[in-house]
């Protein structure tokens, strides 16, 4: 089938890219729904770029870049936890300050070596067509870890997302659940960036889940829908990329984001059709899932 859509010589690269996209869709769907529901998209964006100093230092020391990315993400998480009790500024301010500070440190480290210019490009944009078997294994292991944590912490994540007081009442330790969720986001971004770059990793984290949440209110169904949307975006993105000679990762991300805006337009049109003349203003829908 793939040989009919792509040249035979490229089928191997595309097959691995397709499998990588499917695995990435599964991982990001499990985490992305929580990110959107909790309003953590800015944190995800900050985390995806705040990994740079850890990646740069890891490259200088000759160790695995994922380790450096994970350590840098943990620094961001610990910094947020240390600053969360301050009443002088909000959470977004804390994220912004840590994001800029870590990114600046990363740029300073990168500036010491001209050879990092290529590495920095790969870090930001990645190359999904360069995915190899080791990368696929890494994504598969990451998927198992994320799925296991999501399954074990599901009730706590759900309670802390929509009703922290209820989480306290049920003894679900909302602060711990919140910390585990942020660490899970950090691990996901650190594991995914090394395979597809931060652009595609963040795009797939946010876009399919946001699209699913326009129509779906149950968490498991939203995750499944986000996964399907991610897979479809991967297939269409790879096809467009091959025939239009565009960057594969960026094309997949554009398709995923495009789905969101198409869904937004569709939902708005359906809302207009369902609205009666006697009630010209839409009823406000609470921004939460049905439990």
Protein backbone atom coordinates (compact mmCIF):
# COMPACT_ATOMS: atom_id res chain seq x y z
CA UNK A 1 0.00 0.00 0.00
CA UNK A 2 2.75 2.43 0.97
CA UNK A 3 4.65 1.64 -2.23
CA UNK A 4 1.67 2.93 -4.22
CA UNK A 5 1.80 6.29 -2.43
CA UNK A 6 5.56 6.65 -2.06
CA UNK A 7 8.54 5.58 -4.15
CA UNK A 8 9.74 2.05 -3.26
CA UNK A 9 13.15 3.33 -2.09
CA UNK A 10 11.52 5.53 0.52
CA UNK A 11 8.99 3.03 1.88
CA UNK A 12 11.30 1.98 4.75
CA UNK A 13 11.78 5.56 5.95
CA UNK A 14 8.09 6.35 5.64
CA UNK A 15 7.07 3.13 7.41
CA UNK A 16 9.23 3.97 10.43
CA UNK A 17 7.98 7.57 10.36
CA UNK A 18 4.39 6.31 10.28
CA UNK A 19 4.95 3.94 13.19
CA UNK A 20 6.73 6.72 15.08
CA UNK A 21 3.80 9.05 14.44
CA UNK A 22 1.32 6.45 15.69
CA UNK A 23 3.34 5.86 18.87
CA UNK A 24 3.72 9.61 19.40
CA UNK A 25 -0.04 10.08 18.90
CA UNK A 26 -0.74 7.50 21.60
CA UNK A 27 1.67 9.06 24.10
CA UNK A 28 0.57 12.65 23.52
CA UNK A 29 -3.14 11.75 23.58
CA UNK A 30 -2.78 10.30 27.08
CA UNK A 31 -1.04 13.42 28.37
CA UNK A 32 -2.49 16.12 26.10
CA UNK A 33 -6.06 15.79 27.36
CA UNK A 34 -4.92 16.57 30.91
CA UNK A 35 -2.78 19.45 29.59
CA UNK A 36 -5.73 21.08 27.83
CA UNK A 37 -8.21 20.41 30.63
CA UNK A 38 -5.87 21.94 33.23
CA UNK A 39 -4.86 24.91 31.09
CA UNK A 40 -1.23 23.75 31.04
CA UNK A 41 -0.51 24.43 27.35
CA UNK A 42 1.83 27.33 28.17
CA UNK A 43 3.70 25.09 30.59
CA UNK A 44 4.10 22.48 27.86
CA UNK A 45 5.45 25.08 25.45
CA UNK A 46 7.82 26.44 28.08
CA UNK A 47 9.00 22.94 28.94
CA UNK A 48 9.66 22.05 25.31
CA UNK A 49 12.13 24.92 24.97
CA UNK A 50 13.45 25.02 28.53
CA UNK A 51 15.01 21.61 27.82
CA UNK A 52 17.67 23.32 25.69
CA UNK A 53 20.30 23.88 28.44
CA UNK A 54 20.09 20.25 29.53
CA UNK A 55 20.39 19.08 25.92
CA UNK A 56 23.35 21.37 25.25
CA UNK A 57 25.21 20.34 28.41
CA UNK A 58 24.51 16.65 27.68
CA UNK A 59 25.96 17.10 24.18
CA UNK A 60 29.09 18.72 25.62
CA UNK A 61 29.53 15.88 28.12
CA UNK A 62 28.79 13.21 25.53
CA UNK A 63 25.83 11.67 27.36
CA UNK A 64 22.32 10.82 26.19
CA UNK A 65 20.46 13.99 25.20
CA UNK A 66 17.22 12.65 26.68
CA UNK A 67 18.87 12.55 30.12
CA UNK A 68 19.87 16.20 29.77
CA UNK A 69 16.39 17.15 28.56
CA UNK A 70 14.74 15.31 31.44
CA UNK A 71 17.02 16.95 34.03
CA UNK A 72 16.33 20.39 32.58
CA UNK A 73 12.59 19.72 32.68
CA UNK A 74 12.86 18.58 36.31
CA UNK A 75 14.64 21.83 37.16
CA UNK A 76 11.68 23.70 35.66
CA UNK A 77 9.21 21.59 37.64
CA UNK A 78 11.10 22.06 40.91
CA UNK A 79 11.34 25.78 40.27
CA UNK A 80 7.59 26.00 39.77
CA UNK A 81 6.95 24.02 42.94
CA UNK A 82 9.26 26.35 44.90
CA UNK A 83 7.51 29.46 43.54
CA UNK A 84 3.90 28.25 43.69
CA UNK A 85 3.35 29.50 47.27
CA UNK A 86 4.31 33.08 46.37
CA UNK A 87 1.40 35.52 46.26
CA UNK A 88 3.39 38.27 44.55
CA UNK A 89 2.83 36.87 41.06
CA UNK A 90 0.80 34.23 39.25
CA UNK A 91 1.74 30.82 37.89
CA UNK A 92 2.11 32.14 34.33
CA UNK A 93 4.68 34.66 35.53
CA UNK A 94 6.66 31.91 37.25
CA UNK A 95 6.56 29.75 34.12
CA UNK A 96 7.58 32.68 31.92
CA UNK A 97 10.55 33.63 34.11
CA UNK A 98 11.84 30.07 34.37
CA UNK A 99 11.25 29.48 30.66
CA UNK A 100 13.22 32.56 29.60
CA UNK A 101 15.97 31.94 32.14
CA UNK A 102 16.54 28.31 31.14
CA UNK A 103 16.30 29.09 27.43
CA UNK A 104 18.85 31.91 27.81
CA UNK A 105 21.24 29.59 29.64
CA UNK A 106 20.83 27.08 26.83
CA UNK A 107 21.61 29.70 24.18
CA UNK A 108 24.74 30.74 26.12
CA UNK A 109 25.93 27.12 26.26
CA UNK A 110 25.17 26.65 22.56
CA UNK A 111 27.10 29.82 21.69
CA UNK A 112 30.30 28.20 22.95
CA UNK A 113 30.25 25.73 20.07
CA UNK A 114 29.47 26.56 16.46
CA UNK A 115 28.83 22.87 15.81
CA UNK A 116 25.69 23.12 17.95
CA UNK A 117 23.94 25.11 15.21
CA UNK A 118 22.92 21.92 13.41
CA UNK A 119 22.08 20.20 16.69
CA UNK A 120 19.89 23.13 17.70
CA UNK A 121 17.97 22.93 14.42
CA UNK A 122 17.39 19.21 14.96
CA UNK A 123 16.33 19.91 18.56
CA UNK A 124 13.71 22.44 17.48
CA UNK A 125 12.38 20.85 14.30
CA UNK A 126 13.54 17.24 14.36
CA UNK A 127 13.24 14.88 11.40
CA UNK A 128 10.51 12.29 11.68
CA UNK A 129 11.79 10.62 8.49
CA UNK A 130 15.08 9.92 10.26
CA UNK A 131 13.41 7.83 12.96
CA UNK A 132 15.22 4.51 13.41
CA UNK A 133 14.37 1.29 15.23
CA UNK A 134 15.98 2.49 18.48
CA UNK A 135 13.79 5.61 18.40
CA UNK A 136 10.68 3.48 17.92
CA UNK A 137 11.64 1.33 20.90
CA UNK A 138 12.16 4.47 22.98
CA UNK A 139 8.73 5.81 22.03
CA UNK A 140 7.13 2.43 22.76
CA UNK A 141 8.72 2.28 26.22
CA UNK A 142 7.63 5.86 26.87
CA UNK A 143 4.10 4.92 25.84
CA UNK A 144 4.01 2.01 28.28
CA UNK A 145 5.27 4.23 31.12
CA UNK A 146 2.77 7.01 30.37
CA UNK A 147 -0.11 4.53 30.05
CA UNK A 148 0.79 2.86 33.35
CA UNK A 149 1.01 6.16 35.25
CA UNK A 150 -2.25 7.37 33.68
CA UNK A 151 -4.03 4.17 34.66
CA UNK A 152 -2.75 4.19 38.24
CA UNK A 153 -3.36 7.91 38.80
CA UNK A 154 -6.55 8.29 36.74
CA UNK A 155 -8.92 8.99 39.64
CA UNK A 156 -6.50 11.42 41.25
CA UNK A 157 -5.86 13.23 37.95
CA UNK A 158 -9.59 13.49 37.26
CA UNK A 159 -10.40 14.82 40.74
CA UNK A 160 -7.56 17.35 40.84
CA UNK A 161 -8.45 18.58 37.36
CA UNK A 162 -12.10 19.34 38.03
CA UNK A 163 -12.59 19.55 41.81
CA UNK A 164 -9.58 19.90 44.12
CA UNK A 165 -11.82 20.09 47.22
CA UNK A 166 -13.37 16.76 46.29
CA UNK A 167 -9.88 15.35 45.78
CA UNK A 168 -9.01 16.43 49.33
CA UNK A 169 -12.20 14.84 50.66
CA UNK A 170 -11.44 11.56 48.90
CA UNK A 171 -7.89 11.57 50.25
CA UNK A 172 -6.36 11.67 46.76
CA UNK A 173 -3.58 14.13 47.68
CA UNK A 174 -4.14 16.79 44.97
CA UNK A 175 -0.71 18.41 45.39
CA UNK A 176 1.00 15.08 44.81
CA UNK A 177 -1.28 14.33 41.86
CA UNK A 178 -0.52 17.75 40.38
CA UNK A 179 3.22 17.16 40.75
CA UNK A 180 2.98 13.71 39.17
CA UNK A 181 1.03 15.16 36.25
CA UNK A 182 3.65 17.86 35.63
CA UNK A 183 6.47 15.30 35.87
CA UNK A 184 4.57 13.08 33.42
CA UNK A 185 4.39 16.03 31.02
CA UNK A 186 8.14 16.61 31.45
CA UNK A 187 8.98 12.96 30.77
CA UNK A 188 6.72 12.92 27.71
CA UNK A 189 8.26 16.04 26.20
CA UNK A 190 11.81 14.88 26.97
CA UNK A 191 11.20 11.47 25.43
CA UNK A 192 9.36 12.74 22.36
CA UNK A 193 11.65 15.64 21.44
CA UNK A 194 14.65 13.40 20.78
CA UNK A 195 12.70 11.55 18.11
CA UNK A 196 10.64 14.22 16.37
CA UNK A 197 11.86 17.58 17.74
CA UNK A 198 10.03 20.00 20.00
CA UNK A 199 7.85 21.51 17.25
CA UNK A 200 6.08 18.28 16.33
CA UNK A 201 6.10 16.96 19.91
CA UNK A 202 4.32 20.05 21.24
CA UNK A 203 2.01 20.28 18.23
CA UNK A 204 0.87 16.69 18.70
CA UNK A 205 0.56 17.21 22.45
CA UNK A 206 -1.89 20.10 22.11
CA UNK A 207 -3.68 20.10 18.74
CA UNK A 208 -5.38 16.63 18.63
CA UNK A 209 -6.45 16.83 22.28
CA UNK A 210 -7.83 20.36 21.88
CA UNK A 211 -9.73 19.25 18.78
CA UNK A 212 -11.19 16.23 20.56
CA UNK A 213 -12.30 18.37 23.50
CA UNK A 214 -14.42 20.54 21.21
CA UNK A 215 -16.85 17.64 20.84
CA UNK A 216 -16.09 15.10 23.57
CA UNK A 217 -16.55 15.45 27.34
CA UNK A 218 -15.51 12.06 28.69
CA UNK A 219 -11.78 11.72 29.35
CA UNK A 220 -11.24 8.20 27.93
CA UNK A 221 -13.23 9.04 24.79
CA UNK A 222 -11.31 12.31 24.40
CA UNK A 223 -8.01 10.42 24.63
CA UNK A 224 -9.14 7.86 22.03
CA UNK A 225 -10.38 10.64 19.73
CA UNK A 226 -7.13 12.57 20.10
CA UNK A 227 -5.18 9.42 19.24
CA UNK A 228 -7.21 8.85 16.06
CA UNK A 229 -6.81 12.50 15.03
CA UNK A 230 -3.06 12.28 15.63
CA UNK A 231 -2.77 9.17 13.46
CA UNK A 232 -4.81 10.74 10.65
CA UNK A 233 -2.72 13.92 10.84
CA UNK A 234 0.45 11.80 10.63
CA UNK A 235 -0.75 9.93 7.52
CA UNK A 236 -1.97 13.07 5.73
CA UNK A 237 1.12 15.04 6.79
CA UNK A 238 3.50 12.39 5.45
CA UNK A 239 1.62 12.21 2.15
CA UNK A 240 1.58 15.99 1.71
CA UNK A 241 5.21 16.23 2.78
CA UNK A 242 6.33 13.65 0.24
CA UNK A 243 4.38 15.02 -2.74
CA UNK A 244 4.94 18.71 -1.91
CA UNK A 245 8.58 18.29 -0.77
CA UNK A 246 7.96 19.96 2.58
CA UNK A 247 9.39 19.24 6.04
CA UNK A 248 7.59 16.15 7.31
CA UNK A 249 7.38 17.05 11.02
CA UNK A 250 6.21 20.59 10.39
CA UNK A 251 3.65 19.40 7.83
CA UNK A 252 2.17 16.89 10.29
CA UNK A 253 1.96 19.64 12.92
CA UNK A 254 0.22 22.00 10.46
CA UNK A 255 -2.32 19.30 9.56
CA UNK A 256 -3.01 18.62 13.25
CA UNK A 257 -3.51 22.34 13.96
CA UNK A 258 -5.61 22.66 10.80
CA UNK A 259 -7.94 19.95 12.10
CA UNK A 260 -8.52 22.05 15.22
CA UNK A 261 -9.56 25.17 13.29
CA UNK A 262 -11.75 23.16 10.92
CA UNK A 263 -13.43 21.54 13.93
CA UNK A 264 -13.85 24.95 15.56
CA UNK A 265 -15.55 26.30 12.43
CA UNK A 266 -17.73 23.18 12.20
CA UNK A 267 -18.81 23.41 15.82
CA UNK A 268 -19.61 27.11 15.42
CA UNK A 269 -21.69 26.37 12.31
CA UNK A 270 -23.56 23.54 14.04
CA UNK A 271 -24.20 25.80 17.03
CA UNK A 272 -25.67 28.47 14.77
CA UNK A 273 -27.98 25.95 13.10
CA UNK A 274 -29.20 24.55 16.43
CA UNK A 275 -29.78 27.97 17.97
CA UNK A 276 -33.40 29.07 17.80
CA UNK A 277 -34.34 32.67 16.79
CA UNK A 278 -35.87 33.17 20.23
CA UNK A 279 -32.56 32.38 21.88
CA UNK A 280 -29.87 34.10 19.77
CA UNK A 281 -27.10 33.68 22.32
CA UNK A 282 -25.54 30.28 22.90
CA UNK A 283 -25.76 28.79 26.34
CA UNK A 284 -22.49 28.71 28.16
CA UNK A 285 -21.03 25.22 28.36
CA UNK A 286 -18.91 24.49 31.42
CA UNK A 287 -15.30 23.79 30.51
CA UNK A 288 -15.14 20.37 32.11
CA UNK A 289 -15.69 16.75 31.18
CA UNK A 290 -18.53 14.59 32.36
CA UNK A 291 -17.20 12.34 35.06
